[in-house]
Every structure is written in C-alpha cells, then in structure tokens.
C-alpha cells in the first residue's frame, strides 16, 4: 500500500503559486511510515483530473488531493471524483450550517455559490475545516482505496491534516513505523565526486543513501524505516559516521546546519570575533552571518566597500593599488581583509571582491572572477582566487562567493583546532 499526492490547480501549472503542499505532505507521510512513490499536478479540467485518477488508482491505495474545493466554477475536485466513481452528490446540512455560521461570525454575506461546498459524495465522511469554508472528505469508494481531499490553502490544509487525517490514518494501522532521514551536508566537493566515494552505500535497503546537489552544496540523505526516531537514528549512525570519515573536511554539518551556523559555533567555542569587508557581495556575507540568532557573540560587523572611495577611506586600501591593479585583485583583497580586521578589532576577517556581472568583465578579468581574503589573529592573510564562470548569473556568483568565504574560514578553524588538540 502506498500514497499518492495529487495537487489540483491551473495556477500551479502556470507557476503563479509555489506548490508547498506536496512538500509538506511528503514529509508527513514519511513520519507515518506510509510509502509514497508518486506526485502529480493537474489543472482545473475534469477530463484531465479523471485521467490522473485512473492512473493513480492502479498504483496507489491512498490518494491525497489538495486544491479545487472552493465555491467557484473552476473548483472541480469533489464533483469530478464523484462523477468518476459514479456516485451522486448530496448536500450535507451540517456542512452547510458550518459554512453559514462562519460567514455570520465574520460578518460577511454568504453568496449562493458557497452552497456548492456542502455537496459531498454519498458515503463520504466529512474532513472538517476549522478555519476555512471548504471541507475535505475521507472516502473509500472502493475496497482498499482511500481518498482524502484538502483545500489548497496551506494553513487550512496543515490543520486539517494534523487534527483529523493523522488520527484517521493511525486508526487504520498506519504510523506504526516511521521513515526518518538525516541530511548530511558537504561543501568543496562535487556531487559526482562524492557519489563515487560512497557508491558502495547506495545499494543499502535500510538505511538508504541518496545524493542531492544545489548551488555548490552537496547533500546525502540517509533514511531509515523504524518504529521510532531513536531506533532509526541507531540504524543511521554507522552509515553517517562512515560517510563523514570518507568525506573528511568536505563534510560540514547535517539537517539544519548551515556554513554560517557552523562557522559561528566554531568562533563561539574559541571566544573569537569575525569581521567582513565586502565589495561584490554587497552585504550578503554579513546578512547570512546575522541570520543566526546570537551571532553578536562572534560577529563584530562589516564594511560594504562597494565604491573604491570606501575601500580607501574606511579600509585603508592603497589608491595606487586600485589605480594600477583595479579593485578585483589579490593585493586589494588582502588590504581589505587587514583593514576591516583592524578597524573592528576582530580576531578574524574575510574580504570579498570580484565581478558578479552580468557586465564589467574583460578577457583578463572575466565575469565570475572573485578574490577572497582571510586574515587571522597573527595578521597573516591568505588569498583565494575563484573563477565561477561568466555563464553563471549574478545571484549565483554572489552566493558562491559568500559560501566559499565561509568555507575557507571553517576549514582554517578546524585545522587550528586539530593542531591544538594534537
């Protein structure tokens, strides 16, 4: 037995609305240990919805619909389901009264088309909607087939799922096992390179290992099926430990960890402060650091030295260097790092200067060229050159610059910690 998520709405197909419902439901199904192999998005069209139903019932025993429960003509989910299973609709007085009462409490005029939401298939149970006017249904039109419908509004759907659907499914015997995952995160290694190193783990049955990639970050999801999260953790631990040993310093954290939060904790553990000087990233590095609660413990502040005048007046960058080599150069990155470290009296500093594009590049200094400076407590400075490629967009180049800067500091702090421990 497995579940299938079917999201109804032409606005989803057009990209007008982000489909967060499928992600929420997928995670919830995992918590209940319900296998889930398929998702589908279909527009507000009866014929296409029926095609989706026909395919879904051949491969799944729980169909979860979101969307299409409203009062307008394009809200067709319930009536199409009833038509497909050749079941008449009936007006439910209790549902109609609930809708009427909600309009009265909100001092709004109920229009005739809202009565449509009280029409449910004969034999279907009401899946109450505590906040909205559109109820859902729990229906078993055939043996070993369960259909649940929810409105597309995420807040309404979440509450209906938690208050009614979960107890119902548990009462049906689901939830005895859970599917629990740990997401391991890596920076500085490509997806294919990491996958090659851990390829022998991909054939596991329980736990399973699967790779994901984003903007520079690689992730490995390790999932286990067990009766509890603690039991699943015990299954996952040896696999996660082996992966961390294989990946070395390319591994930086798991689940909710970010490069910024990991760097912050390393600085906090050492009682040290960080300052940043940014040009092409325009404050993005400082922003991602201060997204972490309590970051004032280790983040002194930063200077957005976008204009050369700010580089010279606030950071002490040489005018001659700027004139001769330009702002995007190793010596300028070095002086930016030293300047902000001194100005803000920090233990560590990071500087970023580069060409984020789409214009401003040349054959010698193409779009995507970035220099990162890292200054330490002993006033030593390391400079790292990156060429992210002119084909990348501005946002991606800035994001990669920020993450690589944090990763360079992370690795430096880890190296020092190992040296001290040894």
Protein backbone atom coordinates (compact mmCIF):
# COMPACT_ATOMS: atom_id res chain seq x y z
CA UNK A 1 0.00 0.00 0.00
CA UNK A 2 1.30 3.44 -0.93
CA UNK A 3 0.07 7.02 -1.08
CA UNK A 4 -0.06 9.42 -4.00
CA UNK A 5 -0.27 13.22 -3.77
CA UNK A 6 -2.40 14.95 -6.41
CA UNK A 7 -2.39 18.75 -6.43
CA UNK A 8 -5.17 20.37 -8.44
CA UNK A 9 -4.93 23.89 -9.81
CA UNK A 10 -4.06 25.56 -13.09
CA UNK A 11 -2.29 28.29 -11.11
CA UNK A 12 0.25 25.66 -10.01
CA UNK A 13 0.95 24.66 -13.60
CA UNK A 14 1.43 28.30 -14.58
CA UNK A 15 3.87 28.84 -11.72
CA UNK A 16 1.75 31.57 -10.16
CA UNK A 17 1.78 29.75 -6.80
CA UNK A 18 4.58 27.76 -5.19
CA UNK A 19 3.45 24.20 -4.54
CA UNK A 20 4.48 23.88 -0.89
CA UNK A 21 1.63 21.46 -0.11
CA UNK A 22 3.30 18.49 -1.79
CA UNK A 23 6.49 19.01 0.19
CA UNK A 24 4.57 19.24 3.46
CA UNK A 25 2.53 16.12 2.75
CA UNK A 26 5.57 14.15 1.61
CA UNK A 27 7.29 14.83 4.92
CA UNK A 28 4.15 13.99 6.86
CA UNK A 29 3.73 10.68 5.05
CA UNK A 30 7.32 9.78 5.94
CA UNK A 31 6.57 10.45 9.60
CA UNK A 32 3.74 7.93 9.38
CA UNK A 33 5.86 5.40 7.53
CA UNK A 34 3.49 5.48 4.54
CA UNK A 35 5.29 4.65 1.26
CA UNK A 36 4.94 7.46 -1.25
CA UNK A 37 6.16 6.98 -4.81
CA UNK A 38 4.22 9.44 -6.98
CA UNK A 39 3.11 13.08 -7.08
CA UNK A 40 1.07 14.82 -9.73
CA UNK A 41 -0.08 18.35 -10.56
CA UNK A 42 -3.13 18.72 -12.78
CA UNK A 43 -5.09 21.73 -13.96
CA UNK A 44 -8.74 22.55 -13.30
CA UNK A 45 -10.07 20.32 -16.04
CA UNK A 46 -12.47 17.40 -15.37
CA UNK A 47 -11.20 15.18 -18.18
CA UNK A 48 -7.57 15.55 -17.13
CA UNK A 49 -8.41 15.08 -13.46
CA UNK A 50 -10.20 11.83 -14.36
CA UNK A 51 -7.15 10.68 -16.32
CA UNK A 52 -5.00 11.32 -13.27
CA UNK A 53 -7.40 9.40 -11.02
CA UNK A 54 -7.45 6.43 -13.40
CA UNK A 55 -3.66 6.19 -13.37
CA UNK A 56 -3.38 6.78 -9.62
CA UNK A 57 -5.86 4.09 -8.50
CA UNK A 58 -3.93 1.49 -10.48
CA UNK A 59 -0.77 2.05 -8.44
CA UNK A 60 -1.71 3.68 -5.11
CA UNK A 61 -4.15 2.87 -2.33
CA UNK A 62 -4.28 6.30 -0.67
CA UNK A 63 -4.97 9.33 -2.87
CA UNK A 64 -4.44 12.73 -1.25
CA UNK A 65 -5.89 15.68 -3.16
CA UNK A 66 -5.18 19.35 -2.46
CA UNK A 67 -6.96 22.21 -4.18
CA UNK A 68 -10.19 22.56 -6.12
CA UNK A 69 -12.58 22.62 -3.14
CA UNK A 70 -13.69 26.24 -3.38
CA UNK A 71 -17.03 27.74 -4.48
CA UNK A 72 -16.05 28.92 -7.96
CA UNK A 73 -16.78 27.09 -11.25
CA UNK A 74 -13.14 26.01 -11.65
CA UNK A 75 -13.16 24.21 -8.27
CA UNK A 76 -13.89 20.73 -9.57
CA UNK A 77 -12.13 18.17 -7.40
CA UNK A 78 -15.05 16.73 -5.43
CA UNK A 79 -17.59 16.69 -8.22
CA UNK A 80 -15.07 15.11 -10.61
CA UNK A 81 -14.25 12.41 -8.06
CA UNK A 82 -17.96 11.70 -7.59
CA UNK A 83 -18.50 11.54 -11.34
CA UNK A 84 -15.52 9.22 -11.85
CA UNK A 85 -16.79 6.75 -9.26
CA UNK A 86 -20.38 7.19 -10.46
CA UNK A 87 -21.58 8.38 -7.07
CA UNK A 88 -24.19 11.11 -6.61
CA UNK A 89 -23.53 14.25 -4.60
CA UNK A 90 -25.71 15.17 -1.67
CA UNK A 91 -25.98 18.40 0.27
CA UNK A 92 -24.93 17.89 3.88
CA UNK A 93 -26.99 20.07 6.25
CA UNK A 94 -24.27 20.02 8.92
CA UNK A 95 -21.66 21.23 6.44
CA UNK A 96 -23.97 23.92 5.08
CA UNK A 97 -24.67 25.12 8.61
CA UNK A 98 -20.95 25.28 9.37
CA UNK A 99 -20.35 27.40 6.28
CA UNK A 100 -23.29 29.68 7.13
CA UNK A 101 -22.06 30.14 10.70
CA UNK A 102 -18.56 31.06 9.56
CA UNK A 103 -19.86 33.77 7.26
CA UNK A 104 -22.05 35.11 10.07
CA UNK A 105 -19.18 35.22 12.55
CA UNK A 106 -17.07 37.13 10.03
CA UNK A 107 -19.98 39.47 9.26
CA UNK A 108 -19.75 38.66 5.58
CA UNK A 109 -22.53 37.97 3.13
CA UNK A 110 -22.71 34.34 2.04
CA UNK A 111 -23.24 34.05 -1.70
CA UNK A 112 -25.28 31.22 -3.28
CA UNK A 113 -22.23 29.57 -4.85
CA UNK A 114 -20.89 28.74 -1.37
CA UNK A 115 -23.61 26.08 -1.05
CA UNK A 116 -21.59 24.09 -3.56
CA UNK A 117 -19.04 23.36 -0.84
CA UNK A 118 -21.68 21.43 1.12
CA UNK A 119 -22.14 18.95 -1.77
CA UNK A 120 -20.23 15.75 -0.95
CA UNK A 121 -20.31 12.25 -2.44
CA UNK A 122 -22.81 9.87 -0.84
CA UNK A 123 -20.95 7.70 1.66
CA UNK A 124 -18.02 10.08 2.16
CA UNK A 125 -17.07 11.28 5.63
CA UNK A 126 -16.53 14.98 6.27
CA UNK A 127 -12.94 16.05 6.86
CA UNK A 128 -13.63 19.21 8.90
CA UNK A 129 -12.01 22.53 8.07
CA UNK A 130 -11.80 24.52 11.33
CA UNK A 131 -10.75 27.79 9.69
CA UNK A 132 -11.95 27.87 6.08
CA UNK A 133 -15.30 27.25 4.42
CA UNK A 134 -14.18 24.34 2.22
CA UNK A 135 -14.43 20.96 4.00
CA UNK A 136 -12.50 17.96 2.82
CA UNK A 137 -13.65 14.37 2.55
CA UNK A 138 -12.43 10.98 3.69
CA UNK A 139 -13.89 8.47 1.27
CA UNK A 140 -13.48 4.82 0.42
CA UNK A 141 -15.29 4.48 -2.93
CA UNK A 142 -13.73 1.06 -3.47
CA UNK A 143 -12.25 -1.66 -1.33
CA UNK A 144 -8.65 -0.89 -0.31
CA UNK A 145 -8.83 2.64 -1.73
CA UNK A 146 -8.93 5.73 0.49
CA UNK A 147 -9.32 9.28 -0.80
CA UNK A 148 -8.63 12.38 1.27
CA UNK A 149 -9.24 15.88 -0.05
CA UNK A 150 -7.92 19.18 1.31
CA UNK A 151 -8.19 22.82 0.26
CA UNK A 152 -5.16 24.33 -1.42
CA UNK A 153 -4.63 26.98 1.28
CA UNK A 154 -1.60 25.62 3.18
CA UNK A 155 -2.62 26.85 6.64
CA UNK A 156 -6.06 25.21 6.32
CA UNK A 157 -4.62 22.01 4.91
CA UNK A 158 -1.99 21.71 7.65
CA UNK A 159 -4.52 21.99 10.44
CA UNK A 160 -6.94 19.54 8.79
CA UNK A 161 -4.12 17.05 8.29
CA UNK A 162 -2.91 17.31 11.89
CA UNK A 163 -6.30 17.31 13.60
CA UNK A 164 -8.21 14.77 11.50
CA UNK A 165 -6.16 12.98 8.85
CA UNK A 166 -3.32 11.81 11.10
CA UNK A 167 -5.65 10.29 13.75
CA UNK A 168 -7.70 8.64 10.99
CA UNK A 169 -4.66 7.10 9.30
CA UNK A 170 -3.21 5.92 12.60
CA UNK A 171 -6.55 4.34 13.42
CA UNK A 172 -6.26 2.49 10.11
CA UNK A 173 -2.97 0.99 11.25
CA UNK A 174 -0.52 3.48 9.79
CA UNK A 175 2.09 5.20 11.92
CA UNK A 176 3.42 2.01 13.48
CA UNK A 177 6.72 2.73 11.73
CA UNK A 178 8.26 5.95 10.52
CA UNK A 179 10.64 6.90 7.73
CA UNK A 180 13.29 9.06 9.35
CA UNK A 181 16.07 10.87 7.50
CA UNK A 182 19.29 12.65 8.31
CA UNK A 183 20.61 15.08 5.71
CA UNK A 184 24.41 15.25 5.60
CA UNK A 185 25.87 18.41 4.03
CA UNK A 186 29.13 18.99 2.16
CA UNK A 187 31.00 21.91 0.60
CA UNK A 188 34.09 21.85 -1.59
CA UNK A 189 33.36 18.59 -3.39
CA UNK A 190 31.14 17.94 -6.40
CA UNK A 191 28.14 15.63 -6.36
CA UNK A 192 29.70 13.14 -8.78
CA UNK A 193 33.00 13.05 -6.87
CA UNK A 194 31.28 12.41 -3.54
CA UNK A 195 28.91 9.87 -5.10
CA UNK A 196 31.91 7.94 -6.43
CA UNK A 197 33.49 7.82 -2.98
CA UNK A 198 30.37 6.47 -1.28
CA UNK A 199 28.91 4.48 -4.18
CA UNK A 200 29.06 1.23 -2.20
CA UNK A 201 26.45 2.64 0.21
CA UNK A 202 23.81 3.36 -2.44
CA UNK A 203 22.66 -0.26 -2.62
CA UNK A 204 21.52 -0.38 1.00
CA UNK A 205 17.92 -1.26 1.78
CA UNK A 206 17.54 0.08 5.32
CA UNK A 207 19.06 2.64 5.69
CA UNK A 208 19.16 4.02 2.17
CA UNK A 209 21.53 6.72 0.88
CA UNK A 210 20.70 9.20 -1.88
CA UNK A 211 22.62 12.26 -3.20
CA UNK A 212 21.32 15.79 -3.86
CA UNK A 213 23.04 18.89 -5.19
CA UNK A 214 22.28 22.61 -5.00
CA UNK A 215 24.27 25.79 -5.61
CA UNK A 216 27.66 24.41 -4.65
CA UNK A 217 26.33 22.41 -1.72
CA UNK A 218 26.08 18.63 -1.95
CA UNK A 219 23.79 16.63 0.31
CA UNK A 220 23.42 12.97 1.13
CA UNK A 221 20.11 11.86 2.61
CA UNK A 222 20.38 8.81 4.83
CA UNK A 223 16.92 7.37 5.54
CA UNK A 224 15.82 4.51 7.77
CA UNK A 225 12.48 2.88 8.46
CA UNK A 226 11.93 2.01 12.11
CA UNK A 227 9.41 2.06 14.93
CA UNK A 228 10.82 5.27 16.40
CA UNK A 229 13.18 8.13 15.61
CA UNK A 230 15.67 6.85 18.17
CA UNK A 231 15.71 3.39 16.59
CA UNK A 232 16.11 4.95 13.13
CA UNK A 233 18.97 7.08 14.49
CA UNK A 234 20.75 3.92 15.63
CA UNK A 235 20.45 2.49 12.13
CA UNK A 236 21.65 5.72 10.53
CA UNK A 237 24.60 6.42 12.87
CA UNK A 238 27.14 3.91 11.48
CA UNK A 239 26.38 4.88 7.88
CA UNK A 240 26.63 8.60 8.65
CA UNK A 241 29.90 8.05 10.53
CA UNK A 242 31.40 6.15 7.60
CA UNK A 243 30.36 8.91 5.17
CA UNK A 244 31.88 11.61 7.38
CA UNK A 245 35.14 9.70 7.58
CA UNK A 246 35.24 9.31 3.80
CA UNK A 247 34.39 12.96 3.13
CA UNK A 248 36.77 14.46 5.70
CA UNK A 249 36.66 18.26 5.91
CA UNK A 250 34.27 18.44 2.94
CA UNK A 251 31.55 17.45 5.42
CA UNK A 252 30.33 20.46 7.39
CA UNK A 253 27.05 19.54 9.09
CA UNK A 254 23.63 17.96 8.90
CA UNK A 255 19.91 18.77 8.84
CA UNK A 256 19.51 22.44 9.86
CA UNK A 257 23.24 23.24 9.93
CA UNK A 258 24.50 25.91 7.52
CA UNK A 259 28.01 27.07 6.74
CA UNK A 260 27.22 30.27 8.65
CA UNK A 261 25.93 28.47 11.73
CA UNK A 262 28.85 26.02 11.78
CA UNK A 263 31.41 28.82 11.42
CA UNK A 264 29.61 30.75 14.13
CA UNK A 265 29.79 27.84 16.55
CA UNK A 266 33.50 27.32 15.86
CA UNK A 267 34.17 31.00 16.59
CA UNK A 268 32.00 30.93 19.72
CA UNK A 269 33.84 27.86 21.01
CA UNK A 270 37.13 29.75 20.66
CA UNK A 271 35.80 33.03 22.04
CA UNK A 272 36.84 34.87 18.87
CA UNK A 273 35.31 37.60 16.70
CA UNK A 274 34.91 37.90 12.94
CA UNK A 275 34.66 40.99 10.72
CA UNK A 276 33.93 41.15 6.98
CA UNK A 277 34.71 43.54 4.13
CA UNK A 278 32.51 43.09 1.09
CA UNK A 279 32.51 44.51 -2.39
CA UNK A 280 30.77 42.32 -4.98
CA UNK A 281 28.60 40.52 -2.41
CA UNK A 282 27.06 43.81 -1.26
CA UNK A 283 26.46 42.84 2.37
CA UNK A 284 25.29 39.31 1.67
CA UNK A 285 28.04 37.75 3.78
CA UNK A 286 27.15 39.89 6.77
CA UNK A 287 23.47 39.17 6.24
CA UNK A 288 23.89 35.39 6.24
CA UNK A 289 26.01 35.58 9.39
CA UNK A 290 23.48 37.73 11.24
CA UNK A 291 20.62 35.43 10.23
CA UNK A 292 21.88 33.22 13.05
CA UNK A 293 20.40 34.10 16.47
CA UNK A 294 23.08 35.15 18.91
CA UNK A 295 25.63 35.94 16.18
CA UNK A 296 26.70 39.08 18.07
CA UNK A 297 28.70 36.67 20.24
CA UNK A 298 31.20 36.22 17.43
CA UNK A 299 30.38 38.66 14.61
CA UNK A 300 31.74 42.16 15.11
CA UNK A 301 30.32 43.67 11.92
CA UNK A 302 31.27 44.52 8.39
CA UNK A 303 32.00 47.18 5.80
CA UNK A 304 30.24 47.15 2.43
CA UNK A 305 33.07 48.77 0.49
CA UNK A 306 31.35 48.82 -2.87
CA UNK A 307 32.91 52.08 -4.08
CA UNK A 308 36.69 52.45 -4.28
CA UNK A 309 36.45 55.58 -2.12
CA UNK A 310 35.09 53.47 0.73
CA UNK A 311 37.88 50.95 0.26
CA UNK A 312 40.50 53.65 0.69
CA UNK A 313 38.85 55.83 3.35
CA UNK A 314 37.47 53.10 5.63
CA UNK A 315 39.70 50.11 4.95
CA UNK A 316 42.99 51.78 4.09
CA UNK A 317 43.31 50.21 0.64
CA UNK A 318 46.06 51.89 -1.37
CA UNK A 319 44.85 54.27 -4.08
CA UNK A 320 47.89 53.31 -6.14
CA UNK A 321 46.95 49.64 -5.99
CA UNK A 322 43.39 50.40 -7.02
CA UNK A 323 44.65 52.52 -9.89
CA UNK A 324 47.23 50.02 -11.09
CA UNK A 325 45.53 46.66 -10.47
CA UNK A 326 41.87 47.51 -10.02
CA UNK A 327 39.52 46.58 -7.19
CA UNK A 328 39.37 42.92 -8.27
CA UNK A 329 42.89 41.79 -7.41
CA UNK A 330 44.78 39.83 -4.78
CA UNK A 331 46.51 42.83 -3.14
CA UNK A 332 43.22 44.70 -2.78
CA UNK A 333 41.53 41.65 -1.22
CA UNK A 334 44.46 41.41 1.21
CA UNK A 335 44.29 45.06 2.24
CA UNK A 336 40.51 44.89 2.61
CA UNK A 337 40.83 41.93 4.97
CA UNK A 338 43.54 43.57 7.07
CA UNK A 339 41.74 46.92 7.08
CA UNK A 340 38.40 45.65 8.38
CA UNK A 341 40.12 43.41 10.93
CA UNK A 342 41.96 46.40 12.36
CA UNK A 343 39.01 48.79 12.17
CA UNK A 344 36.65 46.43 14.01
CA UNK A 345 39.27 44.92 16.30
CA UNK A 346 38.42 41.37 15.28
CA UNK A 347 40.40 38.14 15.54
CA UNK A 348 39.46 37.02 12.03
CA UNK A 349 38.32 38.80 8.90
CA UNK A 350 37.05 37.86 5.46
CA UNK A 351 37.10 40.06 2.38
CA UNK A 352 35.36 39.52 -0.95
CA UNK A 353 35.99 41.42 -4.17
CA UNK A 354 35.00 40.28 -7.62
CA UNK A 355 32.98 40.71 -10.79
CA UNK A 356 29.47 39.38 -10.32
CA UNK A 357 28.23 40.53 -13.72
CA UNK A 358 26.44 40.47 -15.98
CA UNK A 359 28.69 43.29 -17.22
CA UNK A 360 32.06 44.62 -16.16
CA UNK A 361 34.19 41.68 -17.25
CA UNK A 362 37.14 41.57 -19.65
CA UNK A 363 39.44 38.96 -21.16
CA UNK A 364 41.86 39.39 -18.27
CA UNK A 365 39.20 39.70 -15.59
CA UNK A 366 36.09 37.85 -16.74
CA UNK A 367 32.72 37.84 -15.04
CA UNK A 368 32.87 35.33 -12.21
CA UNK A 369 36.42 36.20 -11.11
CA UNK A 370 36.42 36.58 -7.31
CA UNK A 371 39.15 37.03 -4.72
CA UNK A 372 38.57 36.09 -1.08
CA UNK A 373 40.88 37.26 1.68
CA UNK A 374 41.19 35.53 5.04
CA UNK A 375 43.13 37.28 7.79
CA UNK A 376 43.90 35.57 11.09
CA UNK A 377 44.91 36.54 14.62
CA UNK A 378 48.60 36.63 13.66
CA UNK A 379 47.89 39.14 10.84
CA UNK A 380 48.71 36.51 8.24
CA UNK A 381 46.48 36.72 5.17
CA UNK A 382 45.55 34.00 2.70
CA UNK A 383 44.07 34.93 -0.69
CA UNK A 384 41.93 32.55 -2.70
CA UNK A 385 41.09 33.07 -6.36
CA UNK A 386 37.88 31.66 -7.85
CA UNK A 387 36.60 31.69 -11.40
CA UNK A 388 32.95 30.83 -11.18
CA UNK A 389 32.29 31.27 -14.90
CA UNK A 390 30.69 34.06 -16.91
CA UNK A 391 27.74 31.81 -17.77
CA UNK A 392 26.50 31.97 -14.17
CA UNK A 393 24.06 34.68 -13.16
CA UNK A 394 24.86 37.48 -10.72
CA UNK A 395 22.94 35.96 -7.83
CA UNK A 396 24.71 32.61 -8.13
CA UNK A 397 28.18 34.17 -8.30
CA UNK A 398 27.47 36.18 -5.17
CA UNK A 399 26.07 33.14 -3.38
CA UNK A 400 29.09 31.01 -4.26
CA UNK A 401 31.43 33.80 -3.14
CA UNK A 402 29.74 34.03 0.25
CA UNK A 403 29.73 30.28 0.82
CA UNK A 404 33.31 29.76 -0.29
CA UNK A 405 34.44 32.56 2.05
CA UNK A 406 32.69 30.90 4.99
CA UNK A 407 34.04 27.50 3.99
CA UNK A 408 37.61 28.80 3.88
CA UNK A 409 37.28 30.14 7.41
CA UNK A 410 35.60 26.91 8.57
CA UNK A 411 38.46 24.80 7.28
CA UNK A 412 41.04 27.12 8.84
CA UNK A 413 39.34 26.96 12.23
CA UNK A 414 39.09 23.15 12.02
CA UNK A 415 42.77 22.90 11.15
CA UNK A 416 43.77 25.05 14.09
CA UNK A 417 41.50 23.04 16.41
CA UNK A 418 43.16 19.78 15.29
CA UNK A 419 46.63 21.30 15.81
CA UNK A 420 45.75 22.49 19.30
CA UNK A 421 44.22 19.11 20.23
CA UNK A 422 47.25 17.23 18.91
